[in-house]
Amino acid sequence: MKKNLVYIIILFLTISLLSGFSGFKKYKNIVEYETVNVTQGDTLWNIAKENISEKEDIRDYIYMIRKVNNLESVNIHPGDQLLIPVYEKE
């Protein structure tokens, strides 16, 4: 019984580690940041859409913009300055 429990725990840890490593290279290296001045009508979605490659998931890119700029929500206002990550080209 204890032996089975140990095997289950080892299997769970192995799967957890492998799934974590599969997403490890999800983001390419950030090579620079561009500064964007928010104007009336801008949204994070539109700003991300202008700066992302077609292969990237826009939701992940918006998450990165929020993370870099310490934004708690997607709300931005005219006059805000945002750092937009620019990833290395493939």
PDB file of N, CA and C in Angstrom:
ATOM      1  N   MET A   1       0.824  -1.192   0.000  1.00  0.00           N
ATOM      2  CA  MET A   1       0.000   0.000   0.000  1.00  0.00           C
ATOM      3  C   MET A   1       0.868   1.256   0.000  1.00  0.00           C
ATOM      4  N   LYS A   2       1.884   1.298   0.885  1.00  0.00           N
ATOM      5  CA  LYS A   2       2.772   2.448   0.935  1.00  0.00           C
ATOM      6  C   LYS A   2       3.576   2.548  -0.359  1.00  0.00           C
ATOM      7  N   LYS A   3       3.933   1.404  -0.908  1.00  0.00           N
ATOM      8  CA  LYS A   3       4.713   1.386  -2.146  1.00  0.00           C
ATOM      9  C   LYS A   3       3.909   2.007  -3.288  1.00  0.00           C
ATOM     10  N   ASN A   4       2.623   1.692  -3.376  1.00  0.00           N
ATOM     11  CA  ASN A   4       1.759   2.271  -4.410  1.00  0.00           C
ATOM     12  C   ASN A   4       1.630   3.782  -4.236  1.00  0.00           C
ATOM     13  N   LEU A   5       1.512   4.222  -2.993  1.00  0.00           N
ATOM     14  CA  LEU A   5       1.404   5.643  -2.706  1.00  0.00           C
ATOM     15  C   LEU A   5       2.674   6.380  -3.137  1.00  0.00           C
ATOM     16  N   VAL A   6       3.815   5.781  -2.888  1.00  0.00           N
ATOM     17  CA  VAL A   6       5.093   6.380  -3.301  1.00  0.00           C
ATOM     18  C   VAL A   6       5.148   6.477  -4.821  1.00  0.00           C
ATOM     19  N   TYR A   7       4.738   5.446  -5.531  1.00  0.00           N
ATOM     20  CA  TYR A   7       4.732   5.474  -6.998  1.00  0.00           C
ATOM     21  C   TYR A   7       3.786   6.550  -7.529  1.00  0.00           C
ATOM     22  N   ILE A   8       2.639   6.684  -6.900  1.00  0.00           N
ATOM     23  CA  ILE A   8       1.672   7.703  -7.325  1.00  0.00           C
ATOM     24  C   ILE A   8       2.245   9.100  -7.108  1.00  0.00           C
ATOM     25  N   ILE A   9       2.879   9.309  -5.977  1.00  0.00           N
ATOM     26  CA  ILE A   9       3.481  10.615  -5.690  1.00  0.00           C
ATOM     27  C   ILE A   9       4.597  10.917  -6.683  1.00  0.00           C
ATOM     28  N   ILE A  10       5.449   9.959  -6.958  1.00  0.00           N
ATOM     29  CA  ILE A  10       6.541  10.150  -7.923  1.00  0.00           C
ATOM     30  C   ILE A  10       5.972  10.435  -9.308  1.00  0.00           C
ATOM     31  N   LEU A  11       4.947   9.714  -9.710  1.00  0.00           N
ATOM     32  CA  LEU A  11       4.314   9.944 -11.010  1.00  0.00           C
ATOM     33  C   LEU A  11       3.719  11.343 -11.076  1.00  0.00           C
ATOM     34  N   PHE A  12       3.026  11.766 -10.031  1.00  0.00           N
ATOM     35  CA  PHE A  12       2.434  13.096  -9.987  1.00  0.00           C
ATOM     36  C   PHE A  12       3.513  14.174 -10.082  1.00  0.00           C
ATOM     37  N   LEU A  13       4.595  14.024  -9.337  1.00  0.00           N
ATOM     38  CA  LEU A  13       5.681  15.009  -9.367  1.00  0.00           C
ATOM     39  C   LEU A  13       6.343  15.056 -10.748  1.00  0.00           C
ATOM     40  N   THR A  14       6.528  13.910 -11.358  1.00  0.00           N
ATOM     41  CA  THR A  14       7.132  13.855 -12.689  1.00  0.00           C
ATOM     42  C   THR A  14       6.256  14.569 -13.707  1.00  0.00           C
ATOM     43  N   ILE A  15       4.971  14.298 -13.685  1.00  0.00           N
ATOM     44  CA  ILE A  15       4.042  14.951 -14.613  1.00  0.00           C
ATOM     45  C   ILE A  15       4.013  16.454 -14.356  1.00  0.00           C
ATOM     46  N   SER A  16       4.002  16.848 -13.091  1.00  0.00           N
ATOM     47  CA  SER A  16       3.996  18.275 -12.751  1.00  0.00           C
ATOM     48  C   SER A  16       5.242  18.967 -13.269  1.00  0.00           C
ATOM     49  N   LEU A  17       6.389  18.347 -13.072  1.00  0.00           N
ATOM     50  CA  LEU A  17       7.648  18.947 -13.546  1.00  0.00           C
ATOM     51  C   LEU A  17       7.684  19.040 -15.064  1.00  0.00           C
ATOM     52  N   LEU A  18       7.263  17.988 -15.735  1.00  0.00           N
ATOM     53  CA  LEU A  18       7.291  17.999 -17.196  1.00  0.00           C
ATOM     54  C   LEU A  18       6.329  19.016 -17.775  1.00  0.00           C
ATOM     55  N   SER A  19       5.167  19.152 -17.185  1.00  0.00           N
ATOM     56  CA  SER A  19       4.220  20.140 -17.695  1.00  0.00           C
ATOM     57  C   SER A  19       4.735  21.544 -17.436  1.00  0.00           C
ATOM     58  N   GLY A  20       5.448  21.755 -16.353  1.00  0.00           N
ATOM     59  CA  GLY A  20       6.042  23.059 -16.068  1.00  0.00           C
ATOM     60  C   GLY A  20       7.138  23.398 -17.046  1.00  0.00           C
ATOM     61  N   PHE A  21       7.944  22.425 -17.418  1.00  0.00           N
ATOM     62  CA  PHE A  21       9.029  22.680 -18.354  1.00  0.00           C
ATOM     63  C   PHE A  21       8.529  22.874 -19.773  1.00  0.00           C
ATOM     64  N   SER A  22       7.389  22.316 -20.108  1.00  0.00           N
ATOM     65  CA  SER A  22       6.881  22.491 -21.463  1.00  0.00           C
ATOM     66  C   SER A  22       6.503  23.937 -21.717  1.00  0.00           C
ATOM     67  N   GLY A  23       6.097  24.665 -20.687  1.00  0.00           N
ATOM     68  CA  GLY A  23       5.748  26.061 -20.840  1.00  0.00           C
ATOM     69  C   GLY A  23       6.893  27.001 -20.512  1.00  0.00           C
ATOM     70  N   PHE A  24       8.047  26.430 -20.179  1.00  0.00           N
ATOM     71  CA  PHE A  24       9.174  27.244 -19.745  1.00  0.00           C
ATOM     72  C   PHE A  24       9.648  28.195 -20.831  1.00  0.00           C
ATOM     73  N   LYS A  25       9.666  27.764 -22.079  1.00  0.00           N
ATOM     74  CA  LYS A  25      10.126  28.602 -23.185  1.00  0.00           C
ATOM     75  C   LYS A  25       8.955  29.210 -23.935  1.00  0.00           C
ATOM     76  N   LYS A  26       7.843  29.393 -23.249  1.00  0.00           N
ATOM     77  CA  LYS A  26       6.664  29.938 -23.904  1.00  0.00           C
ATOM     78  C   LYS A  26       6.933  31.338 -24.430  1.00  0.00           C
ATOM     79  N   TYR A  27       7.679  32.122 -23.674  1.00  0.00           N
ATOM     80  CA  TYR A  27       7.985  33.481 -24.083  1.00  0.00           C
ATOM     81  C   TYR A  27       9.395  33.530 -24.645  1.00  0.00           C
ATOM     82  N   LYS A  28       9.526  34.225 -25.753  1.00  0.00           N
ATOM     83  CA  LYS A  28      10.852  34.437 -26.327  1.00  0.00           C
ATOM     84  C   LYS A  28      11.560  35.459 -25.466  1.00  0.00           C
ATOM     85  N   ASN A  29      12.849  35.627 -25.713  1.00  0.00           N
ATOM     86  CA  ASN A  29      13.611  36.617 -24.965  1.00  0.00           C
ATOM     87  C   ASN A  29      13.169  38.022 -25.343  1.00  0.00           C
ATOM     88  N   ILE A  30      12.987  38.845 -24.321  1.00  0.00           N
ATOM     89  CA  ILE A  30      12.671  40.251 -24.560  1.00  0.00           C
ATOM     90  C   ILE A  30      13.979  40.954 -24.872  1.00  0.00           C
ATOM     91  N   VAL A  31      14.032  41.633 -26.023  1.00  0.00           N
ATOM     92  CA  VAL A  31      15.270  42.289 -26.419  1.00  0.00           C
ATOM     93  C   VAL A  31      15.254  43.786 -26.134  1.00  0.00           C
ATOM     94  N   GLU A  32      14.074  44.357 -26.040  1.00  0.00           N
ATOM     95  CA  GLU A  32      13.960  45.777 -25.719  1.00  0.00           C
ATOM     96  C   GLU A  32      12.524  46.092 -25.329  1.00  0.00           C
ATOM     97  N   TYR A  33      12.317  47.333 -24.927  1.00  0.00           N
ATOM     98  CA  TYR A  33      10.976  47.814 -24.619  1.00  0.00           C
ATOM     99  C   TYR A  33      10.726  49.079 -25.414  1.00  0.00           C
ATOM    100  N   GLU A  34       9.509  49.205 -25.911  1.00  0.00           N
ATOM    101  CA  GLU A  34       9.091  50.441 -26.569  1.00  0.00           C
ATOM    102  C   GLU A  34       8.146  51.159 -25.618  1.00  0.00           C
ATOM    103  N   THR A  35       8.211  52.472 -25.605  1.00  0.00           N
ATOM    104  CA  THR A  35       7.293  53.259 -24.791  1.00  0.00           C
ATOM    105  C   THR A  35       6.126  53.700 -25.660  1.00  0.00           C
ATOM    106  N   VAL A  36       4.929  53.448 -25.172  1.00  0.00           N
ATOM    107  CA  VAL A  36       3.718  53.843 -25.884  1.00  0.00           C
ATOM    108  C   VAL A  36       2.967  54.826 -25.000  1.00  0.00           C
ATOM    109  N   ASN A  37       2.606  55.968 -25.569  1.00  0.00           N
ATOM    110  CA  ASN A  37       1.771  56.943 -24.872  1.00  0.00           C
ATOM    111  C   ASN A  37       0.311  56.637 -25.187  1.00  0.00           C
ATOM    112  N   VAL A  38      -0.456  56.385 -24.161  1.00  0.00           N
ATOM    113  CA  VAL A  38      -1.867  56.034 -24.331  1.00  0.00           C
ATOM    114  C   VAL A  38      -2.650  57.283 -24.715  1.00  0.00           C
ATOM    115  N   THR A  39      -3.472  57.144 -25.754  1.00  0.00           N
ATOM    116  CA  THR A  39      -4.340  58.241 -26.196  1.00  0.00           C
ATOM    117  C   THR A  39      -5.795  57.811 -26.054  1.00  0.00           C
ATOM    118  N   GLN A  40      -6.686  58.767 -26.223  1.00  0.00           N
ATOM    119  CA  GLN A  40      -8.124  58.500 -26.099  1.00  0.00           C
ATOM    120  C   GLN A  40      -8.533  57.353 -27.029  1.00  0.00           C
ATOM    121  N   GLY A  41      -9.233  56.382 -26.490  1.00  0.00           N
ATOM    122  CA  GLY A  41      -9.723  55.259 -27.283  1.00  0.00           C
ATOM    123  C   GLY A  41      -8.790  54.052 -27.310  1.00  0.00           C
ATOM    124  N   ASP A  42      -7.554  54.196 -26.813  1.00  0.00           N
ATOM    125  CA  ASP A  42      -6.618  53.064 -26.784  1.00  0.00           C
ATOM    126  C   ASP A  42      -7.076  52.021 -25.767  1.00  0.00           C
ATOM    127  N   THR A  43      -6.833  50.760 -26.108  1.00  0.00           N
ATOM    128  CA  THR A  43      -7.048  49.654 -25.180  1.00  0.00           C
ATOM    129  C   THR A  43      -5.796  48.797 -25.194  1.00  0.00           C
ATOM    130  N   LEU A  44      -5.617  47.997 -24.162  1.00  0.00           N
ATOM    131  CA  LEU A  44      -4.467  47.089 -24.161  1.00  0.00           C
ATOM    132  C   LEU A  44      -4.544  46.133 -25.349  1.00  0.00           C
ATOM    133  N   TRP A  45      -5.753  45.721 -25.684  1.00  0.00           N
ATOM    134  CA  TRP A  45      -5.938  44.803 -26.813  1.00  0.00           C
ATOM    135  C   TRP A  45      -5.418  45.446 -28.104  1.00  0.00           C
ATOM    136  N   ASN A  46      -5.812  46.692 -28.369  1.00  0.00           N
ATOM    137  CA  ASN A  46      -5.379  47.367 -29.601  1.00  0.00           C
ATOM    138  C   ASN A  46      -3.876  47.604 -29.614  1.00  0.00           C
ATOM    139  N   ILE A  47      -3.330  48.027 -28.472  1.00  0.00           N
ATOM    140  CA  ILE A  47      -1.881  48.261 -28.393  1.00  0.00           C
ATOM    141  C   ILE A  47      -1.132  46.954 -28.615  1.00  0.00           C
ATOM    142  N   ALA A  48      -1.604  45.880 -27.994  1.00  0.00           N
ATOM    143  CA  ALA A  48      -0.956  44.578 -28.161  1.00  0.00           C
ATOM    144  C   ALA A  48      -1.055  44.115 -29.613  1.00  0.00           C
ATOM    145  N   LYS A  49      -2.217  44.306 -30.204  1.00  0.00           N
ATOM    146  CA  LYS A  49      -2.461  43.874 -31.586  1.00  0.00           C
ATOM    147  C   LYS A  49      -1.493  44.545 -32.561  1.00  0.00           C
ATOM    148  N   GLU A  50      -1.130  45.797 -32.277  1.00  0.00           N
ATOM    149  CA  GLU A  50      -0.204  46.531 -33.144  1.00  0.00           C
ATOM    150  C   GLU A  50       1.237  46.081 -32.979  1.00  0.00           C
ATOM    151  N   ASN A  51       1.557  45.415 -31.882  1.00  0.00           N
ATOM    152  CA  ASN A  51       2.952  45.103 -31.569  1.00  0.00           C
ATOM    153  C   ASN A  51       3.272  43.617 -31.502  1.00  0.00           C
ATOM    154  N   ILE A  52       2.320  42.777 -31.809  1.00  0.00           N
ATOM    155  CA  ILE A  52       2.518  41.335 -31.651  1.00  0.00           C
ATOM    156  C   ILE A  52       2.642  40.663 -33.014  1.00  0.00           C
ATOM    157  N   SER A  53       3.381  39.559 -33.043  1.00  0.00           N
ATOM    158  CA  SER A  53       3.458  38.786 -34.280  1.00  0.00           C
ATOM    159  C   SER A  53       2.207  37.915 -34.393  1.00  0.00           C
ATOM    160  N   GLU A  54       1.933  37.445 -35.582  1.00  0.00           N
ATOM    161  CA  GLU A  54       0.735  36.636 -35.816  1.00  0.00           C
ATOM    162  C   GLU A  54       0.776  35.303 -35.079  1.00  0.00           C
ATOM    163  N   LYS A  55       1.970  34.826 -34.753  1.00  0.00           N
ATOM    164  CA  LYS A  55       2.113  33.519 -34.124  1.00  0.00           C
ATOM    165  C   LYS A  55       1.859  33.553 -32.620  1.00  0.00           C
ATOM    166  N   GLU A  56       1.914  34.729 -32.022  1.00  0.00           N
ATOM    167  CA  GLU A  56       1.764  34.852 -30.579  1.00  0.00           C
ATOM    168  C   GLU A  56       0.297  34.903 -30.174  1.00  0.00           C
ATOM    169  N   ASP A  57       0.019  34.452 -28.970  1.00  0.00           N
ATOM    170  CA  ASP A  57      -1.325  34.542 -28.399  1.00  0.00           C
ATOM    171  C   ASP A  57      -1.465  35.925 -27.769  1.00  0.00           C
ATOM    172  N   ILE A  58      -2.417  36.705 -28.247  1.00  0.00           N
ATOM    173  CA  ILE A  58      -2.565  38.089 -27.791  1.00  0.00           C
ATOM    174  C   ILE A  58      -2.881  38.162 -26.296  1.00  0.00           C
ATOM    175  N   ARG A  59      -3.564  37.157 -25.765  1.00  0.00           N
ATOM    176  CA  ARG A  59      -3.879  37.159 -24.333  1.00  0.00           C
ATOM    177  C   ARG A  59      -2.618  37.044 -23.497  1.00  0.00           C
ATOM    178  N   ASP A  60      -1.670  36.211 -23.945  1.00  0.00           N
ATOM    179  CA  ASP A  60      -0.394  36.086 -23.235  1.00  0.00           C
ATOM    180  C   ASP A  60       0.410  37.380 -23.329  1.00  0.00           C
ATOM    181  N   TYR A  61       0.346  38.022 -24.491  1.00  0.00           N
ATOM    182  CA  TYR A  61       1.077  39.262 -24.693  1.00  0.00           C
ATOM    183  C   TYR A  61       0.501  40.378 -23.810  1.00  0.00           C
ATOM    184  N   ILE A  62      -0.814  40.451 -23.709  1.00  0.00           N
ATOM    185  CA  ILE A  62      -1.444  41.430 -22.824  1.00  0.00           C
ATOM    186  C   ILE A  62      -1.048  41.161 -21.380  1.00  0.00           C
ATOM    187  N   TYR A  63      -0.979  39.907 -21.016  1.00  0.00           N
ATOM    188  CA  TYR A  63      -0.534  39.549 -19.663  1.00  0.00           C
ATOM    189  C   TYR A  63       0.873  40.077 -19.418  1.00  0.00           C
ATOM    190  N   MET A  64       1.756  39.907 -20.397  1.00  0.00           N
ATOM    191  CA  MET A  64       3.132  40.387 -20.240  1.00  0.00           C
ATOM    192  C   MET A  64       3.171  41.913 -20.138  1.00  0.00           C
ATOM    193  N   ILE A  65       2.373  42.611 -20.935  1.00  0.00           N
ATOM    194  CA  ILE A  65       2.317  44.078 -20.849  1.00  0.00           C
ATOM    195  C   ILE A  65       1.858  44.483 -19.449  1.00  0.00           C
ATOM    196  N   ARG A  66       0.843  43.825 -18.948  1.00  0.00           N
ATOM    197  CA  ARG A  66       0.346  44.139 -17.603  1.00  0.00           C
ATOM    198  C   ARG A  66       1.413  43.865 -16.552  1.00  0.00           C
ATOM    199  N   LYS A  67       2.112  42.759 -16.705  1.00  0.00           N
ATOM    200  CA  LYS A  67       3.154  42.383 -15.740  1.00  0.00           C
ATOM    201  C   LYS A  67       4.293  43.401 -15.743  1.00  0.00           C
ATOM    202  N   VAL A  68       4.766  43.771 -16.921  1.00  0.00           N
ATOM    203  CA  VAL A  68       5.871  44.719 -17.044  1.00  0.00           C
ATOM    204  C   VAL A  68       5.499  46.079 -16.459  1.00  0.00           C
ATOM    205  N   ASN A  69       4.243  46.478 -16.616  1.00  0.00           N
ATOM    206  CA  ASN A  69       3.792  47.804 -16.178  1.00  0.00           C
ATOM    207  C   ASN A  69       3.084  47.794 -14.824  1.00  0.00           C
ATOM    208  N   ASN A  70       3.105  46.647 -14.151  1.00  0.00           N
ATOM    209  CA  ASN A  70       2.466  46.505 -12.833  1.00  0.00           C
ATOM    210  C   ASN A  70       1.005  46.956 -12.850  1.00  0.00           C
ATOM    211  N   LEU A  71       0.283  46.553 -13.880  1.00  0.00           N
ATOM    212  CA  LEU A  71      -1.132  46.896 -13.999  1.00  0.00           C
ATOM    213  C   LEU A  71      -1.974  45.811 -13.333  1.00  0.00           C
ATOM    214  N   GLU A  72      -2.850  46.212 -12.444  1.00  0.00           N
ATOM    215  CA  GLU A  72      -3.731  45.255 -11.778  1.00  0.00           C
ATOM    216  C   GLU A  72      -4.932  44.888 -12.637  1.00  0.00           C
ATOM    217  N   SER A  73      -5.241  45.724 -13.622  1.00  0.00           N
ATOM    218  CA  SER A  73      -6.364  45.446 -14.513  1.00  0.00           C
ATOM    219  C   SER A  73      -5.978  45.884 -15.924  1.00  0.00           C
ATOM    220  N   VAL A  74      -6.906  45.741 -16.844  1.00  0.00           N
ATOM    221  CA  VAL A  74      -6.643  46.143 -18.229  1.00  0.00           C
ATOM    222  C   VAL A  74      -7.017  47.596 -18.482  1.00  0.00           C
ATOM    223  N   ASN A  75      -7.459  48.288 -17.453  1.00  0.00           N
ATOM    224  CA  ASN A  75      -7.862  49.684 -17.608  1.00  0.00           C
ATOM    225  C   ASN A  75      -6.647  50.587 -17.771  1.00  0.00           C
ATOM    226  N   ILE A  76      -6.622  51.341 -18.872  1.00  0.00           N
ATOM    227  CA  ILE A  76      -5.576  52.327 -19.114  1.00  0.00           C
ATOM    228  C   ILE A  76      -6.248  53.655 -19.440  1.00  0.00           C
ATOM    229  N   HIS A  77      -5.510  54.736 -19.293  1.00  0.00           N
ATOM    230  CA  HIS A  77      -6.093  56.061 -19.453  1.00  0.00           C
ATOM    231  C   HIS A  77      -5.208  56.933 -20.331  1.00  0.00           C
ATOM    232  N   PRO A  78      -5.808  57.869 -21.070  1.00  0.00           N
ATOM    233  CA  PRO A  78      -5.019  58.800 -21.878  1.00  0.00           C
ATOM    234  C   PRO A  78      -3.957  59.481 -21.008  1.00  0.00           C
ATOM    235  N   GLY A  79      -2.739  59.534 -21.538  1.00  0.00           N
ATOM    236  CA  GLY A  79      -1.625  60.120 -20.796  1.00  0.00           C
ATOM    237  C   GLY A  79      -0.747  59.081 -20.124  1.00  0.00           C
ATOM    238  N   ASP A  80      -1.268  57.855 -19.934  1.00  0.00           N
ATOM    239  CA  ASP A  80      -0.427  56.786 -19.368  1.00  0.00           C
ATOM    240  C   ASP A  80       0.698  56.467 -20.336  1.00  0.00           C
ATOM    241  N   GLN A  81       1.842  56.091 -19.790  1.00  0.00           N
ATOM    242  CA  GLN A  81       2.940  55.599 -20.617  1.00  0.00           C
ATOM    243  C   GLN A  81       3.149  54.129 -20.277  1.00  0.00           C
ATOM    244  N   LEU A  82       3.175  53.297 -21.303  1.00  0.00           N
ATOM    245  CA  LEU A  82       3.346  51.862 -21.115  1.00  0.00           C
ATOM    246  C   LEU A  82       4.637  51.388 -21.751  1.00  0.00           C
ATOM    247  N   LEU A  83       5.318  50.494 -21.065  1.00  0.00           N
ATOM    248  CA  LEU A  83       6.461  49.807 -21.668  1.00  0.00           C
ATOM    249  C   LEU A  83       5.925  48.562 -22.354  1.00  0.00           C
ATOM    250  N   ILE A  84       6.230  48.437 -23.626  1.00  0.00           N
ATOM    251  CA  ILE A  84       5.753  47.308 -24.423  1.00  0.00           C
ATOM    252  C   ILE A  84       6.942  46.413 -24.737  1.00  0.00           C
ATOM    253  N   PRO A  85       6.924  45.138 -24.290  1.00  0.00           N
ATOM    254  CA  PRO A  85       8.040  44.250 -24.569  1.00  0.00           C
ATOM    255  C   PRO A  85       8.146  43.922 -26.060  1.00  0.00           C
ATOM    256  N   VAL A  86       9.377  43.945 -26.551  1.00  0.00           N
ATOM    257  CA  VAL A  86       9.651  43.560 -27.949  1.00  0.00           C
ATOM    258  C   VAL A  86      10.494  42.299 -27.870  1.00  0.00           C
ATOM    259  N   TYR A  87       9.997  41.233 -28.463  1.00  0.00           N
ATOM    260  CA  TYR A  87      10.673  39.943 -28.407  1.00  0.00           C
ATOM    261  C   TYR A  87      11.634  39.776 -29.568  1.00  0.00           C
ATOM    262  N   GLU A  88      12.646  38.911 -29.338  1.00  0.00           N
ATOM    263  CA  GLU A  88      13.588  38.645 -30.415  1.00  0.00           C
ATOM    264  C   GLU A  88      12.879  37.951 -31.560  1.00  0.00           C
ATOM    265  N   LYS A  89      13.351  38.204 -32.765  1.00  0.00           N
ATOM    266  CA  LYS A  89      12.752  37.599 -33.959  1.00  0.00           C
ATOM    267  C   LYS A  89      13.196  36.153 -34.054  1.00  0.00           C
ATOM    268  N   GLU A  90      12.316  35.332 -34.611  1.00  0.00           N
ATOM    269  CA  GLU A  90      12.657  33.894 -34.784  1.00  0.00           C
ATOM    270  C   GLU A  90      13.592  33.711 -35.944  1.00  0.00           C
TER     271      GLU A  90
END
